[in-house]
């Protein structure tokens, strides 16, 4: 599982570097302070903690845009 989270985190970072990290301020700050691979491990750890919490509570994923109440259309703020 750990390697899958790490691979997923590297994919998120690769996508963010190409398309921007405007809606992920935590990742933006992390990438300015740390090397890419260190940031990927930190992001993988965050994903693992979120996954564990969802499984423990029996909840479904609520994206950051839902949690903040921001309206999104096709992945972009309206």
C-alpha atoms as a PDB file:
ATOM      1  CA  UNK A   1       0.000   0.000   0.000  1.00  0.00           C
ATOM      2  CA  UNK A   2       2.803   2.402   0.847  1.00  0.00           C
ATOM      3  CA  UNK A   3       4.263   2.229  -2.652  1.00  0.00           C
ATOM      4  CA  UNK A   4       0.830   2.867  -4.186  1.00  0.00           C
ATOM      5  CA  UNK A   5       0.342   5.971  -2.051  1.00  0.00           C
ATOM      6  CA  UNK A   6       3.820   7.181  -3.004  1.00  0.00           C
ATOM      7  CA  UNK A   7       3.212   6.572  -6.715  1.00  0.00           C
ATOM      8  CA  UNK A   8      -0.110   8.409  -6.447  1.00  0.00           C
ATOM      9  CA  UNK A   9       1.528  11.321  -4.636  1.00  0.00           C
ATOM     10  CA  UNK A  10       4.221  11.585  -7.304  1.00  0.00           C
ATOM     11  CA  UNK A  11       1.492  11.647  -9.965  1.00  0.00           C
ATOM     12  CA  UNK A  12      -0.340  14.440  -8.114  1.00  0.00           C
ATOM     13  CA  UNK A  13       2.880  16.455  -7.873  1.00  0.00           C
ATOM     14  CA  UNK A  14       3.703  15.882 -11.538  1.00  0.00           C
ATOM     15  CA  UNK A  15       0.196  17.047 -12.503  1.00  0.00           C
ATOM     16  CA  UNK A  16       0.452  20.052 -10.163  1.00  0.00           C
ATOM     17  CA  UNK A  17       3.756  21.147 -11.682  1.00  0.00           C
ATOM     18  CA  UNK A  18       2.214  21.103 -15.164  1.00  0.00           C
ATOM     19  CA  UNK A  19      -1.217  22.548 -14.391  1.00  0.00           C
ATOM     20  CA  UNK A  20      -0.547  24.621 -11.273  1.00  0.00           C
ATOM     21  CA  UNK A  21      -1.302  24.179  -7.591  1.00  0.00           C
ATOM     22  CA  UNK A  22      -3.685  27.072  -7.050  1.00  0.00           C
ATOM     23  CA  UNK A  23      -6.324  24.989  -5.300  1.00  0.00           C
ATOM     24  CA  UNK A  24      -3.802  23.054  -3.188  1.00  0.00           C
ATOM     25  CA  UNK A  25      -2.094  25.663  -0.987  1.00  0.00           C
ATOM     26  CA  UNK A  26      -0.677  23.005   1.345  1.00  0.00           C
ATOM     27  CA  UNK A  27       1.100  21.306  -1.563  1.00  0.00           C
ATOM     28  CA  UNK A  28       2.274  24.632  -2.995  1.00  0.00           C
ATOM     29  CA  UNK A  29       3.935  25.576   0.278  1.00  0.00           C
ATOM     30  CA  UNK A  30       5.465  22.155   0.694  1.00  0.00           C
ATOM     31  CA  UNK A  31       6.979  22.151  -2.795  1.00  0.00           C
ATOM     32  CA  UNK A  32       8.585  25.545  -2.184  1.00  0.00           C
ATOM     33  CA  UNK A  33      10.207  24.308   1.041  1.00  0.00           C
ATOM     34  CA  UNK A  34      11.161  20.712   0.247  1.00  0.00           C
ATOM     35  CA  UNK A  35      12.535  18.625  -2.640  1.00  0.00           C
ATOM     36  CA  UNK A  36       9.986  16.826  -4.826  1.00  0.00           C
ATOM     37  CA  UNK A  37      10.561  13.341  -3.429  1.00  0.00           C
ATOM     38  CA  UNK A  38      10.345  14.520   0.175  1.00  0.00           C
ATOM     39  CA  UNK A  39       7.108  16.333  -0.671  1.00  0.00           C
ATOM     40  CA  UNK A  40       5.804  13.160  -2.321  1.00  0.00           C
ATOM     41  CA  UNK A  41       6.408  11.136   0.843  1.00  0.00           C
ATOM     42  CA  UNK A  42       4.682  13.811   2.939  1.00  0.00           C
ATOM     43  CA  UNK A  43       1.724  13.841   0.541  1.00  0.00           C
ATOM     44  CA  UNK A  44       1.579  10.014   0.547  1.00  0.00           C
ATOM     45  CA  UNK A  45       1.492  10.115   4.355  1.00  0.00           C
ATOM     46  CA  UNK A  46      -1.356  12.639   4.251  1.00  0.00           C
ATOM     47  CA  UNK A  47      -3.288  10.479   1.769  1.00  0.00           C
ATOM     48  CA  UNK A  48      -2.757   7.402   3.966  1.00  0.00           C
ATOM     49  CA  UNK A  49      -4.030   9.238   7.060  1.00  0.00           C
ATOM     50  CA  UNK A  50      -7.089  10.481   5.158  1.00  0.00           C
ATOM     51  CA  UNK A  51      -7.779   6.963   3.862  1.00  0.00           C
ATOM     52  CA  UNK A  52      -7.481   5.434   7.312  1.00  0.00           C
ATOM     53  CA  UNK A  53      -9.827   8.051   8.792  1.00  0.00           C
ATOM     54  CA  UNK A  54     -12.434   7.444   6.075  1.00  0.00           C
ATOM     55  CA  UNK A  55     -12.258   3.679   6.584  1.00  0.00           C
ATOM     56  CA  UNK A  56     -12.421   3.963  10.374  1.00  0.00           C
ATOM     57  CA  UNK A  57     -15.478   6.227  10.218  1.00  0.00           C
ATOM     58  CA  UNK A  58     -17.143   4.511   7.283  1.00  0.00           C
ATOM     59  CA  UNK A  59     -17.263   7.794   5.358  1.00  0.00           C
ATOM     60  CA  UNK A  60     -16.866   8.612   1.689  1.00  0.00           C
ATOM     61  CA  UNK A  61     -14.318  11.091   0.362  1.00  0.00           C
ATOM     62  CA  UNK A  62     -15.395  14.720   0.443  1.00  0.00           C
ATOM     63  CA  UNK A  63     -13.094  16.808  -1.720  1.00  0.00           C
ATOM     64  CA  UNK A  64     -11.633  20.042  -0.422  1.00  0.00           C
ATOM     65  CA  UNK A  65     -14.014  22.018  -2.605  1.00  0.00           C
ATOM     66  CA  UNK A  66     -17.007  20.350  -0.889  1.00  0.00           C
ATOM     67  CA  UNK A  67     -15.555  20.863   2.557  1.00  0.00           C
ATOM     68  CA  UNK A  68     -15.094  24.604   1.900  1.00  0.00           C
ATOM     69  CA  UNK A  69     -18.446  24.944   0.147  1.00  0.00           C
ATOM     70  CA  UNK A  70     -16.883  26.191  -3.105  1.00  0.00           C
ATOM     71  CA  UNK A  71     -18.825  25.472  -6.279  1.00  0.00           C
ATOM     72  CA  UNK A  72     -16.841  23.586  -8.909  1.00  0.00           C
ATOM     73  CA  UNK A  73     -17.564  22.832 -12.526  1.00  0.00           C
ATOM     74  CA  UNK A  74     -15.274  20.387 -14.341  1.00  0.00           C
ATOM     75  CA  UNK A  75     -12.596  20.801 -11.675  1.00  0.00           C
ATOM     76  CA  UNK A  76     -12.478  24.610 -11.818  1.00  0.00           C
ATOM     77  CA  UNK A  77     -14.014  27.117  -9.397  1.00  0.00           C
ATOM     78  CA  UNK A  78     -17.143  28.830 -10.650  1.00  0.00           C
END
